[in-house]
Amino acid sequence: NEANWQVLAEAQVSNEQKALGADILSRLHFTQEHAEGGRLLQQLVVKSLHHGFRLLQEQTPGPLVPARVAVAGNSVMLALLLGMSPPVGVDIATAVRSYLESPLQVNDLGLKLGAATQSCLMPPLASYVGSDMLACVLATDLAQATEPALIIDIGTNVELALGTTERIYVCSTAAGPAFEGAEISCGMSATAGAIHTVTWEGGSYRVQTIAGAAAVGICGSGLFSAVATARKHHQVDASGRLADEVLQLTPDVALTQQDVRRFQLAKAAARTGIDLLLAEARLPAAAVASVYVAGDFGKHVAIPDLIACGLLPDVLDDRVRKIDRGCIAGIIEYCRHETDALAELLASIAHIELAAQSSFQERFISNMQIGQVATSGEGE
């Protein structure tokens, strides 16, 4: 009974495609540089999914033979799962949506789960705005909101959705891997020993790490915490210049000037996306009634750090909340929706190409500042 669906088991696995490309762009390049690249990447993601299904099976009594497998993800990942090798620069979302017009069985994807199991791949919204954002739109009921609301999914690629009473605007901006701890001298993924919280006590830094282990590096949420704390205690100025040669967080972990610059570039990209969506909708930030922070990174980062570093406007301070498992909830909603209702929702979504906006560069440079930036109004 779809009305009574509930989560029976959950699992999280690493994507084995990382062996052939650390991010989606490098994987796209791999498909173009190797004749069998697309097939190899498809095999790796299918292998990862099979591992996940085995973990789910361990949590459920009896055989696990799903009637339907629903999938959401970024456009490139969906293309690779389908075995496509789209050239860099093409409209990947359109290519994927065209592919999805024909019914798919899970066997068509290489998944061995049962001959009768159907697949349900949610359509991406744009080449770099995936169906995971569509899932978040459904989970938050953004289309039915009576006041403007914003969804932000922070990662290597920051995806944004701004819902108004008239339509939903979406965009993406390339923040780079800094928010995931990559390309930071002491950066690491969110595993044991990663610093996730930084405070200032008695004239020096104090840190908290994942699993309480000895600090060996810093993850994305810790990077926000460190920069916010350093700014508050005058160890870094608004321009990003360090007061000393490094931010020495522990005897073994320090942030360099280059690390802070990379953080600023990533933060500026995300904030500029927010500013330009508001400008497109002709709304000031103060008009946004709710902000939803989605994704795995959003689950761990402290909201006050996002405000202190200037990624979110400070006027939204008390309107921000995290949506845990938003993608899962959205997938369930997608499977419940009627085809006509989904078509109407998709028709109401407008993709904004940030690079085409005349004010992008000016806003980006301004948003390099750490902290809040004085603006003449986002809705102008």
Protein backbone atom coordinates (compact mmCIF):
# COMPACT_ATOMS: atom_id res chain seq x y z
CA ASN A 1 0.00 0.00 0.00
CA GLU A 2 1.77 3.15 -1.22
CA ALA A 3 -0.02 5.32 1.35
CA ASN A 4 1.72 3.39 4.14
CA TRP A 5 5.21 3.13 2.75
CA GLN A 6 7.96 3.11 5.36
CA VAL A 7 11.73 2.73 5.37
CA LEU A 8 12.62 -0.84 6.32
CA ALA A 9 16.38 -0.73 5.79
CA GLU A 10 19.07 1.75 4.80
CA ALA A 11 22.62 1.40 3.50
CA GLN A 12 25.38 3.68 2.29
CA VAL A 13 28.22 2.56 0.05
CA SER A 14 31.14 4.20 -1.68
CA ASN A 15 30.96 4.74 -5.44
CA GLU A 16 33.62 2.54 -7.03
CA GLN A 17 33.75 4.85 -10.04
CA LYS A 18 36.16 6.96 -7.99
CA ALA A 19 38.89 4.58 -9.16
CA LEU A 20 38.52 6.01 -12.68
CA GLY A 21 37.67 9.61 -11.82
CA ALA A 22 37.42 11.60 -8.59
CA ASP A 23 34.50 13.72 -9.83
CA ILE A 24 31.84 13.66 -12.52
CA LEU A 25 33.79 15.76 -15.02
CA SER A 26 36.85 13.52 -14.87
CA ARG A 27 34.56 10.51 -15.39
CA LEU A 28 33.02 12.17 -18.43
CA HIS A 29 36.50 12.73 -19.83
CA PHE A 30 37.30 9.07 -19.16
CA THR A 31 34.36 7.96 -21.33
CA GLN A 32 35.69 10.07 -24.20
CA GLU A 33 39.33 9.01 -23.86
CA HIS A 34 38.69 5.25 -23.63
CA ALA A 35 36.60 3.25 -26.07
CA GLU A 36 35.16 1.09 -23.29
CA GLY A 37 35.04 3.93 -20.75
CA GLY A 38 31.26 4.19 -20.55
CA ARG A 39 30.82 0.45 -20.12
CA LEU A 40 33.51 0.26 -17.43
CA LEU A 41 31.98 3.11 -15.43
CA GLN A 42 28.54 1.54 -15.71
CA GLN A 43 29.91 -1.75 -14.41
CA LEU A 44 31.50 -0.01 -11.43
CA VAL A 45 28.36 1.84 -10.36
CA VAL A 46 26.31 -1.36 -10.79
CA LYS A 47 28.86 -3.17 -8.62
CA SER A 48 28.42 -0.47 -5.96
CA LEU A 49 24.63 -0.79 -6.14
CA HIS A 50 24.79 -4.57 -5.80
CA HIS A 51 26.92 -4.09 -2.69
CA GLY A 52 24.26 -1.75 -1.31
CA PHE A 53 21.49 -4.25 -2.05
CA ARG A 54 23.43 -6.95 -0.18
CA LEU A 55 23.63 -4.67 2.85
CA LEU A 56 19.88 -4.06 2.64
CA GLN A 57 19.24 -7.80 2.38
CA GLU A 58 21.16 -8.33 5.63
CA GLN A 59 18.69 -6.02 7.39
CA THR A 60 15.48 -7.60 6.10
CA PRO A 61 13.91 -10.97 6.88
CA GLY A 62 13.42 -13.24 3.89
CA PRO A 63 14.48 -12.68 0.27
CA LEU A 64 14.68 -9.08 -0.97
CA VAL A 65 12.94 -8.96 -4.37
CA PRO A 66 11.77 -5.36 -4.90
CA ALA A 67 8.87 -4.63 -7.23
CA ARG A 68 10.50 -1.38 -8.26
CA VAL A 69 13.90 0.28 -7.97
CA ALA A 70 13.78 4.08 -7.97
CA VAL A 71 16.93 6.08 -8.67
CA ALA A 72 17.79 9.76 -8.23
CA GLY A 73 21.14 11.42 -8.81
CA ASN A 74 23.03 14.01 -10.78
CA SER A 75 22.69 14.00 -14.55
CA VAL A 76 26.14 12.57 -15.21
CA MET A 77 25.69 9.70 -12.77
CA LEU A 78 22.35 8.82 -14.35
CA ALA A 79 23.93 8.88 -17.81
CA LEU A 80 26.75 6.60 -16.66
CA LEU A 81 24.29 4.21 -15.02
CA LEU A 82 22.47 4.02 -18.35
CA GLY A 83 25.74 3.18 -20.09
CA MET A 84 25.84 6.46 -22.00
CA SER A 85 29.06 8.28 -22.92
CA PRO A 86 27.93 11.88 -23.48
CA PRO A 87 30.65 14.27 -24.69
CA VAL A 88 31.61 17.07 -22.30
CA GLY A 89 29.55 20.15 -23.10
CA VAL A 90 26.41 18.45 -24.44
CA ASP A 91 23.01 18.82 -22.75
CA ILE A 92 23.27 15.67 -20.67
CA ALA A 93 19.91 16.16 -18.98
CA THR A 94 18.04 16.22 -22.29
CA ALA A 95 19.88 13.10 -23.47
CA VAL A 96 18.99 11.26 -20.25
CA ARG A 97 15.35 12.36 -20.35
CA SER A 98 15.07 11.15 -23.96
CA TYR A 99 16.50 7.79 -22.93
CA LEU A 100 13.97 7.54 -20.10
CA GLU A 101 10.99 7.93 -22.43
CA SER A 102 11.10 4.16 -22.99
CA PRO A 103 10.23 1.78 -20.11
CA LEU A 104 13.26 0.25 -18.41
CA GLN A 105 13.66 -2.98 -16.50
CA VAL A 106 16.45 -3.21 -13.93
CA ASN A 107 18.07 -5.88 -16.10
CA ASP A 108 18.53 -3.18 -18.76
CA LEU A 109 20.81 -1.41 -16.29
CA GLY A 110 22.80 -4.54 -15.48
CA LEU A 111 21.14 -4.94 -12.06
CA LYS A 112 20.39 -8.55 -11.12
CA LEU A 113 17.42 -8.23 -8.80
CA GLY A 114 14.62 -10.19 -10.41
CA ALA A 115 13.15 -10.41 -13.89
CA ALA A 116 9.94 -8.60 -12.90
CA THR A 117 11.58 -5.71 -11.03
CA GLN A 118 10.87 -2.40 -12.72
CA SER A 119 13.14 0.63 -12.68
CA CYS A 120 12.09 4.20 -12.02
CA LEU A 121 14.79 6.75 -12.85
CA MET A 122 13.82 10.27 -11.88
CA PRO A 123 14.56 12.79 -14.66
CA PRO A 124 17.31 15.37 -14.11
CA LEU A 125 16.33 19.04 -14.27
CA ALA A 126 19.41 20.31 -16.12
CA SER A 127 22.89 19.08 -17.03
CA TYR A 128 24.21 19.95 -13.58
CA VAL A 129 20.96 19.99 -11.61
CA GLY A 130 20.09 16.39 -10.99
CA SER A 131 17.01 14.46 -10.06
CA ASP A 132 18.21 14.45 -6.45
CA MET A 133 17.21 18.14 -6.44
CA LEU A 134 13.85 17.18 -7.93
CA ALA A 135 13.50 14.74 -5.03
CA CYS A 136 14.20 17.56 -2.54
CA VAL A 137 11.63 19.77 -4.30
CA LEU A 138 9.05 17.01 -3.80
CA ALA A 139 10.12 16.28 -0.22
CA THR A 140 9.69 19.94 0.80
CA ASP A 141 6.52 20.40 -1.32
CA LEU A 142 8.19 23.45 -2.81
CA ALA A 143 5.65 23.73 -5.63
CA GLN A 144 2.82 24.24 -3.14
CA ALA A 145 4.61 26.73 -0.88
CA THR A 146 2.66 29.92 -0.21
CA GLU A 147 5.86 31.88 0.54
CA PRO A 148 9.27 31.84 -1.17
CA ALA A 149 11.55 29.01 -0.08
CA LEU A 150 15.12 28.03 -0.96
CA ILE A 151 16.80 24.62 -1.15
CA ILE A 152 20.60 24.39 -1.16
CA ASP A 153 22.55 21.18 -1.68
CA ILE A 154 26.23 21.82 -1.00
CA GLY A 155 28.97 19.74 -2.56
CA THR A 156 31.53 19.86 -5.35
CA ASN A 157 28.60 21.07 -7.43
CA VAL A 158 26.22 23.30 -5.45
CA GLU A 159 22.61 22.88 -6.59
CA LEU A 160 19.97 25.45 -5.72
CA ALA A 161 16.19 25.71 -6.06
CA LEU A 162 14.13 28.82 -5.26
CA GLY A 163 10.38 28.32 -5.12
CA THR A 164 7.95 31.20 -5.49
CA THR A 165 4.19 31.27 -5.87
CA GLU A 166 4.69 31.55 -9.64
CA ARG A 167 7.44 29.06 -10.46
CA ILE A 168 10.57 27.26 -9.29
CA TYR A 169 14.00 28.53 -10.35
CA VAL A 170 16.98 26.16 -10.27
CA CYS A 171 20.69 26.54 -10.96
CA SER A 172 24.02 24.95 -10.23
CA THR A 173 27.44 26.39 -9.57
CA ALA A 174 30.82 24.67 -9.55
CA ALA A 175 32.25 25.09 -6.06
CA GLY A 176 35.09 22.64 -6.57
CA PRO A 177 36.11 19.95 -4.09
CA ALA A 178 37.09 22.19 -1.14
CA PHE A 179 33.78 21.59 0.69
CA GLU A 180 34.54 17.87 0.59
CA GLY A 181 38.03 18.33 2.03
CA ALA A 182 39.82 17.86 -1.28
CA GLU A 183 42.53 20.22 -2.58
CA ILE A 184 42.98 21.48 1.00
CA SER A 185 46.50 20.80 2.30
CA CYS A 186 45.21 19.02 5.41
CA GLY A 187 41.80 18.14 3.95
CA MET A 188 40.17 14.72 4.18
CA SER A 189 36.79 13.07 3.92
CA ALA A 190 34.46 12.92 6.91
CA THR A 191 36.04 9.87 8.53
CA ALA A 192 37.63 9.12 11.91
CA GLY A 193 40.17 11.77 12.90
CA ALA A 194 38.68 14.51 10.72
CA ILE A 195 38.19 17.84 12.51
CA HIS A 196 34.51 18.84 12.28
CA THR A 197 34.28 21.63 14.87
CA VAL A 198 36.75 24.39 15.81
CA THR A 199 36.40 26.76 18.78
CA TRP A 200 38.63 29.41 20.36
CA GLU A 201 39.48 29.10 24.04
CA GLY A 202 42.15 30.88 26.06
CA GLY A 203 43.85 32.32 23.00
CA SER A 204 44.16 29.08 21.03
CA TYR A 205 42.07 26.71 18.95
CA ARG A 206 40.23 23.70 20.33
CA VAL A 207 38.97 21.02 17.97
CA GLN A 208 36.49 18.16 17.92
CA THR A 209 37.00 15.20 15.61
CA ILE A 210 34.88 12.44 14.14
CA ALA A 211 34.83 9.41 16.45
CA GLY A 212 36.89 11.40 18.96
CA ALA A 213 40.08 10.15 17.28
CA ALA A 214 43.37 12.05 17.15
CA ALA A 215 43.16 14.90 14.65
CA VAL A 216 44.76 13.97 11.33
CA GLY A 217 43.02 16.43 8.99
CA ILE A 218 39.92 18.51 8.42
CA CYS A 219 36.68 17.75 6.56
CA GLY A 220 34.30 20.21 4.88
CA SER A 221 32.19 21.05 7.91
CA GLY A 222 35.38 21.58 9.92
CA LEU A 223 36.67 23.94 7.24
CA PHE A 224 33.59 26.15 7.65
CA SER A 225 33.94 25.98 11.44
CA ALA A 226 37.64 26.87 11.33
CA VAL A 227 37.19 29.86 9.00
CA ALA A 228 34.17 31.16 10.94
CA THR A 229 36.05 30.89 14.24
CA ALA A 230 39.20 32.48 12.84
CA ARG A 231 37.19 35.38 11.42
CA LYS A 232 35.38 35.96 14.71
CA HIS A 233 38.67 36.09 16.63
CA HIS A 234 40.55 38.24 14.10
CA GLN A 235 42.86 35.47 12.90
CA VAL A 236 41.70 36.10 9.34
CA ASP A 237 40.27 39.35 7.93
CA ALA A 238 37.30 39.86 5.62
CA SER A 239 39.55 39.66 2.55
CA GLY A 240 40.77 36.23 3.64
CA ARG A 241 44.26 37.32 4.65
CA LEU A 242 45.67 35.35 7.59
CA ALA A 243 47.03 37.17 10.61
CA ASP A 244 49.86 34.60 10.82
CA GLU A 245 51.51 32.36 8.25
CA VAL A 246 49.01 29.55 8.92
CA LEU A 247 45.96 28.77 11.03
CA GLN A 248 47.51 26.25 13.40
CA LEU A 249 44.51 24.24 14.58
CA THR A 250 46.52 21.48 16.26
CA PRO A 251 50.24 20.65 16.33
CA ASP A 252 49.72 18.48 13.24
CA VAL A 253 46.86 20.22 11.39
CA ALA A 254 47.04 23.71 9.92
CA LEU A 255 45.29 25.70 7.18
CA THR A 256 47.46 27.69 4.78
CA GLN A 257 46.72 30.93 2.97
CA GLN A 258 46.07 28.93 -0.20
CA ASP A 259 43.60 26.71 1.66
CA VAL A 260 41.63 29.78 2.75
CA ARG A 261 41.65 31.15 -0.81
CA ARG A 262 40.25 27.88 -2.14
CA PHE A 263 37.55 27.99 0.51
CA GLN A 264 36.70 31.56 -0.52
CA LEU A 265 36.35 30.56 -4.17
CA ALA A 266 33.97 27.74 -3.27
CA LYS A 267 31.95 29.87 -0.88
CA ALA A 268 31.71 32.73 -3.40
CA ALA A 269 30.39 30.36 -6.07
CA ALA A 270 27.62 29.11 -3.79
CA ARG A 271 26.59 32.55 -2.52
CA THR A 272 26.61 34.02 -6.02
CA GLY A 273 24.20 31.29 -7.13
CA ILE A 274 21.83 32.27 -4.32
CA ASP A 275 22.10 35.98 -5.15
CA LEU A 276 21.41 35.45 -8.85
CA LEU A 277 18.40 33.19 -8.24
CA LEU A 278 16.95 35.89 -5.99
CA ALA A 279 17.66 38.50 -8.66
CA GLU A 280 15.95 36.38 -11.32
CA ALA A 281 12.86 36.08 -9.10
CA ARG A 282 13.08 39.79 -8.21
CA LEU A 283 13.11 38.98 -4.51
CA PRO A 284 15.19 40.35 -1.63
CA ALA A 285 16.71 37.74 0.67
CA ALA A 286 14.38 38.90 3.44
CA ALA A 287 11.40 37.64 1.41
CA VAL A 288 12.54 34.01 1.69
CA ALA A 289 10.47 32.35 4.42
CA SER A 290 12.32 29.03 4.60
CA VAL A 291 15.75 27.68 3.69
CA TYR A 292 16.35 23.94 3.46
CA VAL A 293 19.93 22.65 3.59
CA ALA A 294 20.06 19.24 1.93
CA GLY A 295 22.59 16.56 1.15
CA ASP A 296 25.17 14.64 3.14
CA PHE A 297 27.38 17.68 3.66
CA GLY A 298 24.41 19.76 4.79
CA LYS A 299 23.67 17.17 7.45
CA HIS A 300 26.99 17.86 9.19
CA VAL A 301 27.80 21.55 8.67
CA ALA A 302 26.70 24.00 11.40
CA ILE A 303 24.19 26.58 10.15
CA PRO A 304 25.79 29.45 12.16
CA ASP A 305 29.06 28.75 10.30
CA LEU A 306 27.31 29.10 6.92
CA ILE A 307 25.98 32.49 8.08
CA ALA A 308 29.28 33.64 9.62
CA CYS A 309 31.25 32.82 6.48
CA GLY A 310 28.69 34.56 4.29
CA LEU A 311 27.42 31.61 2.30
CA LEU A 312 23.88 32.42 3.45
CA PRO A 313 22.52 35.95 4.01
CA ASP A 314 22.32 36.73 7.73
CA VAL A 315 18.69 37.84 7.40
CA LEU A 316 17.86 34.14 6.94
CA ASP A 317 19.53 33.08 10.19
CA ASP A 318 16.37 31.88 11.96
CA ARG A 319 14.73 30.41 8.84
CA VAL A 320 17.23 27.67 8.04
CA ARG A 321 16.70 24.01 8.76
CA LYS A 322 18.22 20.79 7.54
CA ILE A 323 16.28 18.15 5.65
CA ASP A 324 17.61 14.74 6.57
CA ARG A 325 16.94 11.97 4.05
CA GLY A 326 15.26 14.51 1.77
CA CYS A 327 16.25 12.59 -1.34
CA ILE A 328 14.73 9.35 -0.04
CA ALA A 329 11.50 11.11 0.95
CA GLY A 330 11.38 12.79 -2.46
CA ILE A 331 11.86 9.49 -4.31
CA ILE A 332 8.89 8.05 -2.44
CA GLU A 333 6.80 11.10 -3.34
CA TYR A 334 7.86 10.77 -6.98
CA CYS A 335 6.68 7.17 -7.11
CA ARG A 336 3.33 8.25 -5.66
CA HIS A 337 2.73 11.13 -8.09
CA GLU A 338 0.51 10.85 -11.13
CA THR A 339 2.15 11.39 -14.52
CA ASP A 340 0.13 14.56 -15.27
CA ALA A 341 1.01 16.12 -11.90
CA LEU A 342 4.71 15.43 -12.50
CA ALA A 343 4.55 16.94 -15.98
CA GLU A 344 2.94 20.07 -14.53
CA LEU A 345 5.63 20.31 -11.85
CA LEU A 346 8.48 19.89 -14.35
CA ALA A 347 6.92 22.55 -16.59
CA SER A 348 6.99 25.02 -13.69
CA ILE A 349 10.76 24.66 -13.20
CA ALA A 350 13.04 27.18 -14.92
CA HIS A 351 16.78 26.55 -15.17
CA ILE A 352 18.95 29.66 -14.82
CA GLU A 353 22.35 29.59 -16.50
CA LEU A 354 24.54 31.57 -14.11
CA ALA A 355 27.40 32.12 -16.54
CA ALA A 356 25.02 33.99 -18.83
CA GLN A 357 24.12 36.51 -16.13
CA SER A 358 25.82 39.88 -16.73
CA SER A 359 26.39 40.50 -13.03
CA PHE A 360 27.93 37.09 -12.28
CA GLN A 361 31.57 38.17 -12.20
CA GLU A 362 30.94 41.30 -10.15
CA ARG A 363 28.89 39.41 -7.57
CA PHE A 364 31.39 36.55 -7.46
CA ILE A 365 34.27 38.89 -6.66
CA SER A 366 32.23 40.64 -3.98
CA ASN A 367 31.24 37.29 -2.45
CA MET A 368 34.89 36.30 -2.00
CA GLN A 369 34.67 38.29 1.24
CA ILE A 370 34.47 36.21 4.41
CA GLY A 371 31.36 37.32 6.26
CA GLN A 372 28.32 39.26 5.13
CA VAL A 373 28.59 41.40 1.99
CA ALA A 374 26.77 44.73 1.77
CA THR A 375 24.64 44.67 -1.41
CA SER A 376 22.22 47.03 -3.07
CA GLY A 377 19.51 44.36 -2.93
CA GLU A 378 19.30 40.89 -4.47
CA GLY A 379 15.98 41.51 -6.16
CA GLU A 380 17.09 44.46 -8.21
